Amino acid sequence: MRVTVFDIVNGEISANVHEAPELDRVPYLDGQPLHGVGVYRIEDRGEVELQLVEIAAGGGYVMHSSPKLAFCHIVRGRGKLGLPTGSALDNVGPETYVFHPGTSHDWHDIEEDTFLAVAIVPDGVTPDMPGRSDGDSDG
């Protein structure tokens, strides 16, 4: 998947094109084994992380969560997203998930190579603010 990052260099807008970025294999997360997982870090700007994640068919990503908000777009692939209750959602790309801080989940029963575009950002929303998982859509 081609990745293009736009920036301003010497007052001019430039496009830095990565034709086929190489993903770093990630064998463990917090001491737990991951299977068939690769990550390409597009940008790491302090509080904000942009990454591509691939989970190979037959692979899996253990139960995890983030203290930040995560926007996860399934570009392509098929599998299940597991919740701590033991329930699971079927997922088929393209599909988008938004994980609020602390929402644990895993990726398992991956039937097709799955490619995710992920943005991890500070939450910045407190529970008493409009738009926070209360059905309020004006935020």
Protein backbone atom coordinates (compact mmCIF):
# COMPACT_ATOMS: atom_id res chain seq x y z
CA MET A 1 0.00 0.00 0.00
CA ARG A 2 1.50 3.30 -1.03
CA VAL A 3 1.80 5.97 1.68
CA THR A 4 2.26 9.65 0.84
CA VAL A 5 3.08 12.20 3.54
CA PHE A 6 2.65 15.88 2.69
CA ASP A 7 4.70 18.52 4.48
CA ILE A 8 6.02 22.04 4.00
CA VAL A 9 9.74 22.16 3.22
CA ASN A 10 11.41 25.53 2.60
CA GLY A 11 7.99 27.12 2.17
CA GLU A 12 6.89 24.62 -0.48
CA ILE A 13 4.49 21.72 -0.13
CA SER A 14 6.29 18.46 -0.73
CA ALA A 15 5.03 14.91 -1.12
CA ASN A 16 7.13 12.13 0.37
CA VAL A 17 5.95 8.94 -1.35
CA HIS A 18 6.64 5.50 0.14
CA GLU A 19 5.72 3.06 -2.64
CA ALA A 20 5.74 -0.12 -0.56
CA PRO A 21 6.73 0.59 3.03
CA GLU A 22 8.34 -2.32 4.83
CA LEU A 23 6.47 -3.44 7.93
CA ASP A 24 8.43 -4.33 11.05
CA ARG A 25 7.44 -7.73 12.41
CA VAL A 26 6.10 -7.50 15.96
CA PRO A 27 6.46 -10.83 17.80
CA TYR A 28 5.21 -9.71 21.24
CA LEU A 29 2.99 -7.16 22.96
CA ASP A 30 3.52 -6.79 26.69
CA GLY A 31 5.15 -10.23 26.78
CA GLN A 32 2.26 -11.94 24.96
CA PRO A 33 2.96 -13.52 21.56
CA LEU A 34 1.53 -11.97 18.41
CA HIS A 35 1.17 -14.06 15.27
CA GLY A 36 1.67 -12.70 11.76
CA VAL A 37 1.65 -9.03 12.84
CA GLY A 38 3.63 -6.28 11.12
CA VAL A 39 3.61 -2.52 11.76
CA TYR A 40 4.77 0.46 9.72
CA ARG A 41 4.93 3.66 11.75
CA ILE A 42 3.97 6.47 9.39
CA GLU A 43 4.34 9.24 11.96
CA ASP A 44 4.99 9.42 15.67
CA ARG A 45 4.43 12.99 16.77
CA GLY A 46 4.46 12.75 20.53
CA GLU A 47 0.84 12.28 21.50
CA VAL A 48 -0.24 11.20 18.01
CA GLU A 49 0.74 7.96 16.27
CA LEU A 50 -0.16 7.03 12.69
CA GLN A 51 0.52 3.47 11.64
CA LEU A 52 -0.30 0.71 9.21
CA VAL A 53 -0.84 -2.71 10.76
CA GLU A 54 -1.00 -6.00 8.92
CA ILE A 55 -2.28 -9.24 10.45
CA ALA A 56 -1.61 -12.21 8.19
CA ALA A 57 -4.26 -14.84 7.53
CA GLY A 58 -4.12 -17.30 10.42
CA GLY A 59 -2.49 -14.66 12.63
CA GLY A 60 -3.79 -12.79 15.63
CA TYR A 61 -3.32 -9.82 17.92
CA VAL A 62 -3.78 -10.40 21.66
CA MET A 63 -6.27 -8.57 23.89
CA HIS A 64 -5.07 -4.98 24.32
CA SER A 65 -6.26 -1.42 24.82
CA SER A 66 -4.85 2.08 24.75
CA PRO A 67 -5.13 4.99 27.17
CA LYS A 68 -5.75 7.08 24.03
CA LEU A 69 -8.49 7.21 21.40
CA ALA A 70 -7.82 4.91 18.44
CA PHE A 71 -9.33 5.32 14.97
CA CYS A 72 -8.88 2.03 13.12
CA HIS A 73 -9.89 1.60 9.50
CA ILE A 74 -9.84 -1.93 8.11
CA VAL A 75 -8.63 -1.29 4.57
CA ARG A 76 -9.02 -4.94 3.59
CA GLY A 77 -9.27 -8.32 5.23
CA ARG A 78 -11.61 -10.55 7.17
CA GLY A 79 -11.65 -11.93 10.69
CA LYS A 80 -13.07 -11.39 14.15
CA LEU A 81 -12.68 -8.65 16.71
CA GLY A 82 -12.97 -10.10 20.21
CA LEU A 83 -14.19 -8.35 23.35
CA PRO A 84 -13.32 -9.16 26.99
CA THR A 85 -16.81 -10.66 27.48
CA GLY A 86 -15.91 -13.43 25.04
CA SER A 87 -18.20 -12.08 22.34
CA ALA A 88 -16.82 -11.29 18.89
CA LEU A 89 -17.75 -9.17 15.91
CA ASP A 90 -17.19 -10.31 12.35
CA ASN A 91 -15.21 -7.76 10.40
CA VAL A 92 -14.76 -7.38 6.68
CA GLY A 93 -12.81 -4.51 5.19
CA PRO A 94 -13.51 -1.81 4.45
CA GLU A 95 -14.86 -1.04 7.90
CA THR A 96 -14.01 1.54 10.56
CA TYR A 97 -13.78 1.12 14.33
CA VAL A 98 -13.27 3.82 16.95
CA PHE A 99 -11.89 2.59 20.27
CA HIS A 100 -12.30 4.89 23.25
CA PRO A 101 -9.56 4.79 25.89
CA GLY A 102 -9.43 1.52 27.80
CA THR A 103 -11.67 -0.47 25.43
CA SER A 104 -9.93 -3.84 25.31
CA HIS A 105 -10.18 -5.96 22.17
CA ASP A 106 -8.29 -8.58 20.19
CA TRP A 107 -8.08 -9.67 16.56
CA HIS A 108 -8.49 -13.40 15.93
CA ASP A 109 -9.74 -15.99 13.41
CA ILE A 110 -8.11 -13.91 10.67
CA GLU A 111 -9.34 -15.52 7.44
CA GLU A 112 -7.69 -13.12 4.97
CA ASP A 113 -4.61 -10.94 5.26
CA THR A 114 -5.94 -7.90 7.12
CA PHE A 115 -4.57 -4.41 6.65
CA LEU A 116 -5.42 -1.64 9.14
CA ALA A 117 -4.81 2.12 9.02
CA VAL A 118 -4.61 3.32 12.62
CA ALA A 119 -4.50 6.78 14.21
CA ILE A 120 -3.92 6.91 17.97
CA VAL A 121 -4.65 10.33 19.43
CA PRO A 122 -5.21 11.93 22.84
CA ASP A 123 -8.83 11.54 23.90
CA GLY A 124 -9.40 15.17 24.88
CA VAL A 125 -13.06 14.51 25.67
CA THR A 126 -14.32 14.09 29.20
CA PRO A 127 -17.39 11.94 29.95
CA ASP A 128 -19.62 14.97 30.61
CA MET A 129 -18.92 16.55 27.20
CA PRO A 130 -21.35 16.27 24.25
CA GLY A 131 -20.55 13.54 21.78
CA ARG A 132 -19.10 11.06 24.27
CA SER A 133 -20.75 7.66 23.60
CA ASP A 134 -24.11 8.89 24.84
CA GLY A 135 -25.85 8.96 21.50
CA ASP A 136 -25.36 12.72 21.18
CA SER A 137 -24.43 13.37 17.57
CA ASP A 138 -23.86 17.11 17.66
CA GLY A 139 -20.22 16.83 18.71
